[in-house]
Amino acid sequence: MKEKLSDKIKGFYVLGWEGVKSIVLAPRKAVSLAQRAMIIVPILLPPVLLFATGALDVFVVSALIFWHFALAFGYKAINSPDKTDMFI
């Protein structure tokens, strides 16, 4: 069966959301400050840069960086069999 583009986009959204949840909602000992910053800073950075510079391309690049990390951590969170090596 051929997969529709909307299904692929939905899959990336779910994967990204799992990554955000795995970082933000993880226990403190499991996630370092640097790993949390990889998710939280790109969320806060685009609006600040867009307001400061007025450049839309900075907003787009920051959003892409955010989704890169979110997808990476989401993939690890979903595919980790025992959920212990999610942040290694």
PDB file of N, CA and C in Angstrom:
ATOM      1  N   MET A   1       0.836  -1.180   0.000  1.00  0.00           N
ATOM      2  CA  MET A   1       0.000   0.000   0.000  1.00  0.00           C
ATOM      3  C   MET A   1       0.880   1.242   0.000  1.00  0.00           C
ATOM      4  N   LYS A   2       0.561   2.163  -0.840  1.00  0.00           N
ATOM      5  CA  LYS A   2       1.357   3.374  -0.959  1.00  0.00           C
ATOM      6  C   LYS A   2       1.026   4.335   0.186  1.00  0.00           C
ATOM      7  N   GLU A   3       2.089   4.829   0.814  1.00  0.00           N
ATOM      8  CA  GLU A   3       1.911   5.750   1.940  1.00  0.00           C
ATOM      9  C   GLU A   3       1.713   7.171   1.419  1.00  0.00           C
ATOM     10  N   LYS A   4       0.712   7.841   1.954  1.00  0.00           N
ATOM     11  CA  LYS A   4       0.439   9.217   1.536  1.00  0.00           C
ATOM     12  C   LYS A   4       1.411  10.174   2.214  1.00  0.00           C
ATOM     13  N   LEU A   5       1.618  11.315   1.582  1.00  0.00           N
ATOM     14  CA  LEU A   5       2.512  12.330   2.131  1.00  0.00           C
ATOM     15  C   LEU A   5       2.015  12.824   3.486  1.00  0.00           C
ATOM     16  N   SER A   6       0.703  12.945   3.638  1.00  0.00           N
ATOM     17  CA  SER A   6       0.159  13.418   4.917  1.00  0.00           C
ATOM     18  C   SER A   6       0.466  12.426   6.038  1.00  0.00           C
ATOM     19  N   ASP A   7       0.500  11.121   5.716  1.00  0.00           N
ATOM     20  CA  ASP A   7       0.853  10.120   6.728  1.00  0.00           C
ATOM     21  C   ASP A   7       2.319  10.246   7.133  1.00  0.00           C
ATOM     22  N   LYS A   8       3.180  10.534   6.159  1.00  0.00           N
ATOM     23  CA  LYS A   8       4.603  10.713   6.468  1.00  0.00           C
ATOM     24  C   LYS A   8       4.813  11.937   7.349  1.00  0.00           C
ATOM     25  N   ILE A   9       4.146  13.023   7.021  1.00  0.00           N
ATOM     26  CA  ILE A   9       4.270  14.249   7.821  1.00  0.00           C
ATOM     27  C   ILE A   9       3.757  14.002   9.234  1.00  0.00           C
ATOM     28  N   LYS A  10       2.657  13.296   9.343  1.00  0.00           N
ATOM     29  CA  LYS A  10       2.094  12.958  10.656  1.00  0.00           C
ATOM     30  C   LYS A  10       3.082  12.111  11.454  1.00  0.00           C
ATOM     31  N   GLY A  11       3.755  11.180  10.770  1.00  0.00           N
ATOM     32  CA  GLY A  11       4.750  10.336  11.433  1.00  0.00           C
ATOM     33  C   GLY A  11       5.918  11.144  11.961  1.00  0.00           C
ATOM     34  N   PHE A  12       6.400  12.115  11.173  1.00  0.00           N
ATOM     35  CA  PHE A  12       7.490  12.974  11.638  1.00  0.00           C
ATOM     36  C   PHE A  12       7.036  13.821  12.817  1.00  0.00           C
ATOM     37  N   TYR A  13       5.807  14.274  12.789  1.00  0.00           N
ATOM     38  CA  TYR A  13       5.287  15.068  13.900  1.00  0.00           C
ATOM     39  C   TYR A  13       5.261  14.235  15.184  1.00  0.00           C
ATOM     40  N   VAL A  14       4.762  13.007  15.087  1.00  0.00           N
ATOM     41  CA  VAL A  14       4.688  12.121  16.260  1.00  0.00           C
ATOM     42  C   VAL A  14       6.086  11.816  16.771  1.00  0.00           C
ATOM     43  N   LEU A  15       7.006  11.527  15.847  1.00  0.00           N
ATOM     44  CA  LEU A  15       8.377  11.221  16.230  1.00  0.00           C
ATOM     45  C   LEU A  15       9.021  12.420  16.924  1.00  0.00           C
ATOM     46  N   GLY A  16       8.826  13.609  16.382  1.00  0.00           N
ATOM     47  CA  GLY A  16       9.370  14.820  16.995  1.00  0.00           C
ATOM     48  C   GLY A  16       8.777  15.084  18.366  1.00  0.00           C
ATOM     49  N   TRP A  17       7.463  14.867  18.500  1.00  0.00           N
ATOM     50  CA  TRP A  17       6.802  15.082  19.785  1.00  0.00           C
ATOM     51  C   TRP A  17       7.333  14.114  20.829  1.00  0.00           C
ATOM     52  N   GLU A  18       7.588  12.850  20.435  1.00  0.00           N
ATOM     53  CA  GLU A  18       8.160  11.881  21.369  1.00  0.00           C
ATOM     54  C   GLU A  18       9.540  12.327  21.834  1.00  0.00           C
ATOM     55  N   GLY A  19      10.310  12.915  20.913  1.00  0.00           N
ATOM     56  CA  GLY A  19      11.627  13.422  21.285  1.00  0.00           C
ATOM     57  C   GLY A  19      11.547  14.557  22.285  1.00  0.00           C
ATOM     58  N   VAL A  20      10.627  15.471  22.056  1.00  0.00           N
ATOM     59  CA  VAL A  20      10.449  16.590  22.985  1.00  0.00           C
ATOM     60  C   VAL A  20      10.021  16.071  24.353  1.00  0.00           C
ATOM     61  N   LYS A  21       9.070  15.156  24.373  1.00  0.00           N
ATOM     62  CA  LYS A  21       8.615  14.596  25.650  1.00  0.00           C
ATOM     63  C   LYS A  21       9.739  13.861  26.362  1.00  0.00           C
ATOM     64  N   SER A  22      10.547  13.103  25.612  1.00  0.00           N
ATOM     65  CA  SER A  22      11.600  12.318  26.253  1.00  0.00           C
ATOM     66  C   SER A  22      12.652  13.204  26.904  1.00  0.00           C
ATOM     67  N   ILE A  23      12.874  14.385  26.347  1.00  0.00           N
ATOM     68  CA  ILE A  23      13.870  15.296  26.930  1.00  0.00           C
ATOM     69  C   ILE A  23      13.267  16.130  28.052  1.00  0.00           C
ATOM     70  N   VAL A  24      12.129  16.741  27.791  1.00  0.00           N
ATOM     71  CA  VAL A  24      11.562  17.679  28.754  1.00  0.00           C
ATOM     72  C   VAL A  24      10.995  16.967  29.983  1.00  0.00           C
ATOM     73  N   LEU A  25      10.373  15.805  29.779  1.00  0.00           N
ATOM     74  CA  LEU A  25       9.712  15.124  30.881  1.00  0.00           C
ATOM     75  C   LEU A  25      10.562  14.041  31.537  1.00  0.00           C
ATOM     76  N   ALA A  26      11.805  13.886  31.121  1.00  0.00           N
ATOM     77  CA  ALA A  26      12.664  12.842  31.677  1.00  0.00           C
ATOM     78  C   ALA A  26      13.103  13.197  33.098  1.00  0.00           C
ATOM     79  N   PRO A  27      13.429  12.182  33.886  1.00  0.00           N
ATOM     80  CA  PRO A  27      13.965  12.462  35.227  1.00  0.00           C
ATOM     81  C   PRO A  27      15.261  13.253  35.132  1.00  0.00           C
ATOM     82  N   ARG A  28      15.539  14.031  36.146  1.00  0.00           N
ATOM     83  CA  ARG A  28      16.720  14.909  36.100  1.00  0.00           C
ATOM     84  C   ARG A  28      18.024  14.141  35.950  1.00  0.00           C
ATOM     85  N   LYS A  29      18.145  12.994  36.598  1.00  0.00           N
ATOM     86  CA  LYS A  29      19.396  12.248  36.535  1.00  0.00           C
ATOM     87  C   LYS A  29      19.622  11.620  35.156  1.00  0.00           C
ATOM     88  N   ALA A  30      18.559  11.387  34.413  1.00  0.00           N
ATOM     89  CA  ALA A  30      18.693  10.721  33.121  1.00  0.00           C
ATOM     90  C   ALA A  30      19.117  11.674  32.010  1.00  0.00           C
ATOM     91  N   VAL A  31      18.865  12.953  32.196  1.00  0.00           N
ATOM     92  CA  VAL A  31      19.122  13.919  31.129  1.00  0.00           C
ATOM     93  C   VAL A  31      20.004  15.045  31.659  1.00  0.00           C
ATOM     94  N   SER A  32      21.083  15.303  30.944  1.00  0.00           N
ATOM     95  CA  SER A  32      21.969  16.380  31.359  1.00  0.00           C
ATOM     96  C   SER A  32      21.374  17.728  30.956  1.00  0.00           C
ATOM     97  N   LEU A  33      21.927  18.765  31.521  1.00  0.00           N
ATOM     98  CA  LEU A  33      21.482  20.118  31.194  1.00  0.00           C
ATOM     99  C   LEU A  33      21.731  20.424  29.723  1.00  0.00           C
ATOM    100  N   ALA A  34      22.827  19.926  29.193  1.00  0.00           N
ATOM    101  CA  ALA A  34      23.148  20.158  27.778  1.00  0.00           C
ATOM    102  C   ALA A  34      22.097  19.514  26.864  1.00  0.00           C
ATOM    103  N   GLN A  35      21.649  18.312  27.221  1.00  0.00           N
ATOM    104  CA  GLN A  35      20.639  17.650  26.404  1.00  0.00           C
ATOM    105  C   GLN A  35      19.309  18.384  26.469  1.00  0.00           C
ATOM    106  N   ARG A  36      18.951  18.881  27.628  1.00  0.00           N
ATOM    107  CA  ARG A  36      17.721  19.669  27.730  1.00  0.00           C
ATOM    108  C   ARG A  36      17.847  20.962  26.926  1.00  0.00           C
ATOM    109  N   ALA A  37      19.020  21.569  26.962  1.00  0.00           N
ATOM    110  CA  ALA A  37      19.236  22.822  26.239  1.00  0.00           C
ATOM    111  C   ALA A  37      19.105  22.611  24.736  1.00  0.00           C
ATOM    112  N   MET A  38      19.473  21.421  24.238  1.00  0.00           N
ATOM    113  CA  MET A  38      19.360  21.151  22.800  1.00  0.00           C
ATOM    114  C   MET A  38      17.911  21.214  22.330  1.00  0.00           C
ATOM    115  N   ILE A  39      16.970  20.979  23.226  1.00  0.00           N
ATOM    116  CA  ILE A  39      15.561  21.047  22.867  1.00  0.00           C
ATOM    117  C   ILE A  39      14.978  22.413  23.243  1.00  0.00           C
ATOM    118  N   ILE A  40      15.279  22.884  24.443  1.00  0.00           N
ATOM    119  CA  ILE A  40      14.628  24.095  24.948  1.00  0.00           C
ATOM    120  C   ILE A  40      15.132  25.364  24.252  1.00  0.00           C
ATOM    121  N   VAL A  41      16.445  25.472  24.033  1.00  0.00           N
ATOM    122  CA  VAL A  41      16.995  26.677  23.404  1.00  0.00           C
ATOM    123  C   VAL A  41      16.442  26.899  22.004  1.00  0.00           C
ATOM    124  N   PRO A  42      16.419  25.866  21.123  1.00  0.00           N
ATOM    125  CA  PRO A  42      15.834  26.128  19.798  1.00  0.00           C
ATOM    126  C   PRO A  42      14.351  26.491  19.836  1.00  0.00           C
ATOM    127  N   ILE A  43      13.638  26.114  20.885  1.00  0.00           N
ATOM    128  CA  ILE A  43      12.236  26.519  21.003  1.00  0.00           C
ATOM    129  C   ILE A  43      12.165  28.016  21.301  1.00  0.00           C
ATOM    130  N   LEU A  44      13.042  28.487  22.176  1.00  0.00           N
ATOM    131  CA  LEU A  44      13.022  29.890  22.573  1.00  0.00           C
ATOM    132  C   LEU A  44      13.744  30.807  21.585  1.00  0.00           C
ATOM    133  N   LEU A  45      14.729  30.257  20.873  1.00  0.00           N
ATOM    134  CA  LEU A  45      15.559  31.071  20.000  1.00  0.00           C
ATOM    135  C   LEU A  45      14.828  31.696  18.811  1.00  0.00           C
ATOM    136  N   PRO A  46      14.000  30.961  18.062  1.00  0.00           N
ATOM    137  CA  PRO A  46      13.384  31.575  16.878  1.00  0.00           C
ATOM    138  C   PRO A  46      12.580  32.841  17.144  1.00  0.00           C
ATOM    139  N   PRO A  47      11.673  32.860  18.144  1.00  0.00           N
ATOM    140  CA  PRO A  47      10.925  34.108  18.351  1.00  0.00           C
ATOM    141  C   PRO A  47      11.820  35.285  18.755  1.00  0.00           C
ATOM    142  N   VAL A  48      12.849  35.002  19.561  1.00  0.00           N
ATOM    143  CA  VAL A  48      13.755  36.069  20.001  1.00  0.00           C
ATOM    144  C   VAL A  48      14.528  36.619  18.802  1.00  0.00           C
ATOM    145  N   LEU A  49      15.070  35.723  17.981  1.00  0.00           N
ATOM    146  CA  LEU A  49      15.843  36.173  16.817  1.00  0.00           C
ATOM    147  C   LEU A  49      14.957  36.860  15.787  1.00  0.00           C
ATOM    148  N   LEU A  50      13.749  36.345  15.616  1.00  0.00           N
ATOM    149  CA  LEU A  50      12.838  36.961  14.654  1.00  0.00           C
ATOM    150  C   LEU A  50      12.486  38.377  15.092  1.00  0.00           C
ATOM    151  N   PHE A  51      12.274  38.555  16.392  1.00  0.00           N
ATOM    152  CA  PHE A  51      11.962  39.881  16.911  1.00  0.00           C
ATOM    153  C   PHE A  51      13.175  40.808  16.817  1.00  0.00           C
ATOM    154  N   ALA A  52      14.357  40.273  17.129  1.00  0.00           N
ATOM    155  CA  ALA A  52      15.566  41.106  17.167  1.00  0.00           C
ATOM    156  C   ALA A  52      16.042  41.495  15.772  1.00  0.00           C
ATOM    157  N   THR A  53      15.969  40.558  14.825  1.00  0.00           N
ATOM    158  CA  THR A  53      16.548  40.826  13.505  1.00  0.00           C
ATOM    159  C   THR A  53      15.506  41.093  12.430  1.00  0.00           C
ATOM    160  N   GLY A  54      14.321  40.569  12.630  1.00  0.00           N
ATOM    161  CA  GLY A  54      13.294  40.701  11.609  1.00  0.00           C
ATOM    162  C   GLY A  54      13.529  39.797  10.409  1.00  0.00           C
ATOM    163  N   ALA A  55      14.463  38.867  10.546  1.00  0.00           N
ATOM    164  CA  ALA A  55      14.812  37.988   9.425  1.00  0.00           C
ATOM    165  C   ALA A  55      14.074  36.656   9.552  1.00  0.00           C
ATOM    166  N   LEU A  56      13.275  36.356   8.564  1.00  0.00           N
ATOM    167  CA  LEU A  56      12.503  35.119   8.586  1.00  0.00           C
ATOM    168  C   LEU A  56      13.389  33.893   8.396  1.00  0.00           C
ATOM    169  N   ASP A  57      14.498  34.022   7.670  1.00  0.00           N
ATOM    170  CA  ASP A  57      15.362  32.866   7.428  1.00  0.00           C
ATOM    171  C   ASP A  57      16.004  32.359   8.723  1.00  0.00           C
ATOM    172  N   VAL A  58      16.291  33.244   9.665  1.00  0.00           N
ATOM    173  CA  VAL A  58      16.832  32.827  10.957  1.00  0.00           C
ATOM    174  C   VAL A  58      15.796  31.980  11.692  1.00  0.00           C
ATOM    175  N   PHE A  59      14.546  32.374  11.608  1.00  0.00           N
ATOM    176  CA  PHE A  59      13.462  31.623  12.232  1.00  0.00           C
ATOM    177  C   PHE A  59      13.379  30.217  11.637  1.00  0.00           C
ATOM    178  N   VAL A  60      13.452  30.110  10.329  1.00  0.00           N
ATOM    179  CA  VAL A  60      13.338  28.815   9.652  1.00  0.00           C
ATOM    180  C   VAL A  60      14.518  27.913  10.012  1.00  0.00           C
ATOM    181  N   VAL A  61      15.725  28.446  10.014  1.00  0.00           N
ATOM    182  CA  VAL A  61      16.911  27.643  10.349  1.00  0.00           C
ATOM    183  C   VAL A  61      16.823  27.148  11.788  1.00  0.00           C
ATOM    184  N   SER A  62      16.414  27.991  12.710  1.00  0.00           N
ATOM    185  CA  SER A  62      16.282  27.571  14.108  1.00  0.00           C
ATOM    186  C   SER A  62      15.229  26.485  14.258  1.00  0.00           C
ATOM    187  N   ALA A  63      14.133  26.605  13.525  1.00  0.00           N
ATOM    188  CA  ALA A  63      13.089  25.577  13.577  1.00  0.00           C
ATOM    189  C   ALA A  63      13.608  24.247  13.038  1.00  0.00           C
ATOM    190  N   LEU A  64      14.403  24.287  11.982  1.00  0.00           N
ATOM    191  CA  LEU A  64      14.981  23.048  11.434  1.00  0.00           C
ATOM    192  C   LEU A  64      15.954  22.395  12.409  1.00  0.00           C
ATOM    193  N   ILE A  65      16.747  23.212  13.093  1.00  0.00           N
ATOM    194  CA  ILE A  65      17.669  22.671  14.100  1.00  0.00           C
ATOM    195  C   ILE A  65      16.880  21.998  15.220  1.00  0.00           C
ATOM    196  N   PHE A  66      15.831  22.646  15.666  1.00  0.00           N
ATOM    197  CA  PHE A  66      14.989  22.079  16.715  1.00  0.00           C
ATOM    198  C   PHE A  66      14.423  20.724  16.296  1.00  0.00           C
ATOM    199  N   TRP A  67      13.865  20.636  15.084  1.00  0.00           N
ATOM    200  CA  TRP A  67      13.271  19.377  14.648  1.00  0.00           C
ATOM    201  C   TRP A  67      14.316  18.300  14.423  1.00  0.00           C
ATOM    202  N   HIS A  68      15.529  18.681  14.069  1.00  0.00           N
ATOM    203  CA  HIS A  68      16.591  17.687  13.930  1.00  0.00           C
ATOM    204  C   HIS A  68      16.817  16.975  15.257  1.00  0.00           C
ATOM    205  N   PHE A  69      16.979  17.737  16.335  1.00  0.00           N
ATOM    206  CA  PHE A  69      17.199  17.126  17.637  1.00  0.00           C
ATOM    207  C   PHE A  69      15.958  16.404  18.139  1.00  0.00           C
ATOM    208  N   ALA A  70      14.796  16.985  17.914  1.00  0.00           N
ATOM    209  CA  ALA A  70      13.562  16.346  18.374  1.00  0.00           C
ATOM    210  C   ALA A  70      13.362  15.000  17.690  1.00  0.00           C
ATOM    211  N   LEU A  71      13.603  14.937  16.393  1.00  0.00           N
ATOM    212  CA  LEU A  71      13.452  13.667  15.673  1.00  0.00           C
ATOM    213  C   LEU A  71      14.492  12.649  16.129  1.00  0.00           C
ATOM    214  N   ALA A  72      15.709  13.103  16.365  1.00  0.00           N
ATOM    215  CA  ALA A  72      16.758  12.185  16.806  1.00  0.00           C
ATOM    216  C   ALA A  72      16.417  11.575  18.165  1.00  0.00           C
ATOM    217  N   PHE A  73      16.018  12.399  19.109  1.00  0.00           N
ATOM    218  CA  PHE A  73      15.678  11.878  20.433  1.00  0.00           C
ATOM    219  C   PHE A  73      14.370  11.085  20.398  1.00  0.00           C
ATOM    220  N   GLY A  74      13.444  11.485  19.557  1.00  0.00           N
ATOM    221  CA  GLY A  74      12.203  10.717  19.416  1.00  0.00           C
ATOM    222  C   GLY A  74      12.462   9.342  18.874  1.00  0.00           C
ATOM    223  N   TYR A  75      13.357   9.237  17.898  1.00  0.00           N
ATOM    224  CA  TYR A  75      13.706   7.937  17.325  1.00  0.00           C
ATOM    225  C   TYR A  75      14.324   7.036  18.386  1.00  0.00           C
ATOM    226  N   LYS A  76      15.229   7.598  19.198  1.00  0.00           N
ATOM    227  CA  LYS A  76      15.840   6.813  20.263  1.00  0.00           C
ATOM    228  C   LYS A  76      14.800   6.408  21.312  1.00  0.00           C
ATOM    229  N   ALA A  77      13.894   7.316  21.643  1.00  0.00           N
ATOM    230  CA  ALA A  77      12.897   7.024  22.676  1.00  0.00           C
ATOM    231  C   ALA A  77      11.946   5.922  22.231  1.00  0.00           C
ATOM    232  N   ILE A  78      11.539   5.955  20.970  1.00  0.00           N
ATOM    233  CA  ILE A  78      10.594   4.962  20.477  1.00  0.00           C
ATOM    234  C   ILE A  78      11.270   3.611  20.275  1.00  0.00           C
ATOM    235  N   ASN A  79      12.502   3.601  19.801  1.00  0.00           N
ATOM    236  CA  ASN A  79      13.179   2.362  19.448  1.00  0.00           C
ATOM    237  C   ASN A  79      14.046   1.785  20.555  1.00  0.00           C
ATOM    238  N   SER A  80      14.103   2.410  21.703  1.00  0.00           N
ATOM    239  CA  SER A  80      14.881   1.888  22.818  1.00  0.00           C
ATOM    240  C   SER A  80      14.066   0.793  23.507  1.00  0.00           C
ATOM    241  N   PRO A  81      14.556  -0.442  23.507  1.00  0.00           N
ATOM    242  CA  PRO A  81      13.749  -1.542  24.036  1.00  0.00           C
ATOM    243  C   PRO A  81      13.415  -1.426  25.520  1.00  0.00           C
ATOM    244  N   ASP A  82      14.376  -1.007  26.324  1.00  0.00           N
ATOM    245  CA  ASP A  82      14.100  -0.942  27.761  1.00  0.00           C
ATOM    246  C   ASP A  82      14.077   0.479  28.296  1.00  0.00           C
ATOM    247  N   LYS A  83      14.159   1.467  27.398  1.00  0.00           N
ATOM    248  CA  LYS A  83      14.065   2.886  27.743  1.00  0.00           C
ATOM    249  C   LYS A  83      15.195   3.357  28.655  1.00  0.00           C
ATOM    250  N   THR A  84      16.285   2.573  28.772  1.00  0.00           N
ATOM    251  CA  THR A  84      17.372   3.009  29.639  1.00  0.00           C
ATOM    252  C   THR A  84      18.493   3.680  28.868  1.00  0.00           C
ATOM    253  N   ASP A  85      18.620   3.381  27.578  1.00  0.00           N
ATOM    254  CA  ASP A  85      19.716   3.969  26.814  1.00  0.00           C
ATOM    255  C   ASP A  85      19.244   5.130  25.946  1.00  0.00           C
ATOM    256  N   MET A  86      18.131   5.747  26.315  1.00  0.00           N
ATOM    257  CA  MET A  86      17.564   6.814  25.506  1.00  0.00           C
ATOM    258  C   MET A  86      18.479   8.028  25.442  1.00  0.00           C
ATOM    259  N   PHE A  87      19.239   8.287  26.475  1.00  0.00           N
ATOM    260  CA  PHE A  87      19.983   9.536  26.545  1.00  0.00           C
ATOM    261  C   PHE A  87      21.483   9.318  26.515  1.00  0.00           C
ATOM    262  N   ILE A  88      21.920   8.209  25.990  1.00  0.00           N
ATOM    263  CA  ILE A  88      23.354   7.901  25.920  1.00  0.00           C
ATOM    264  C   ILE A  88      23.865   8.263  24.544  1.00  0.00           C
TER     265      ILE A  88
END
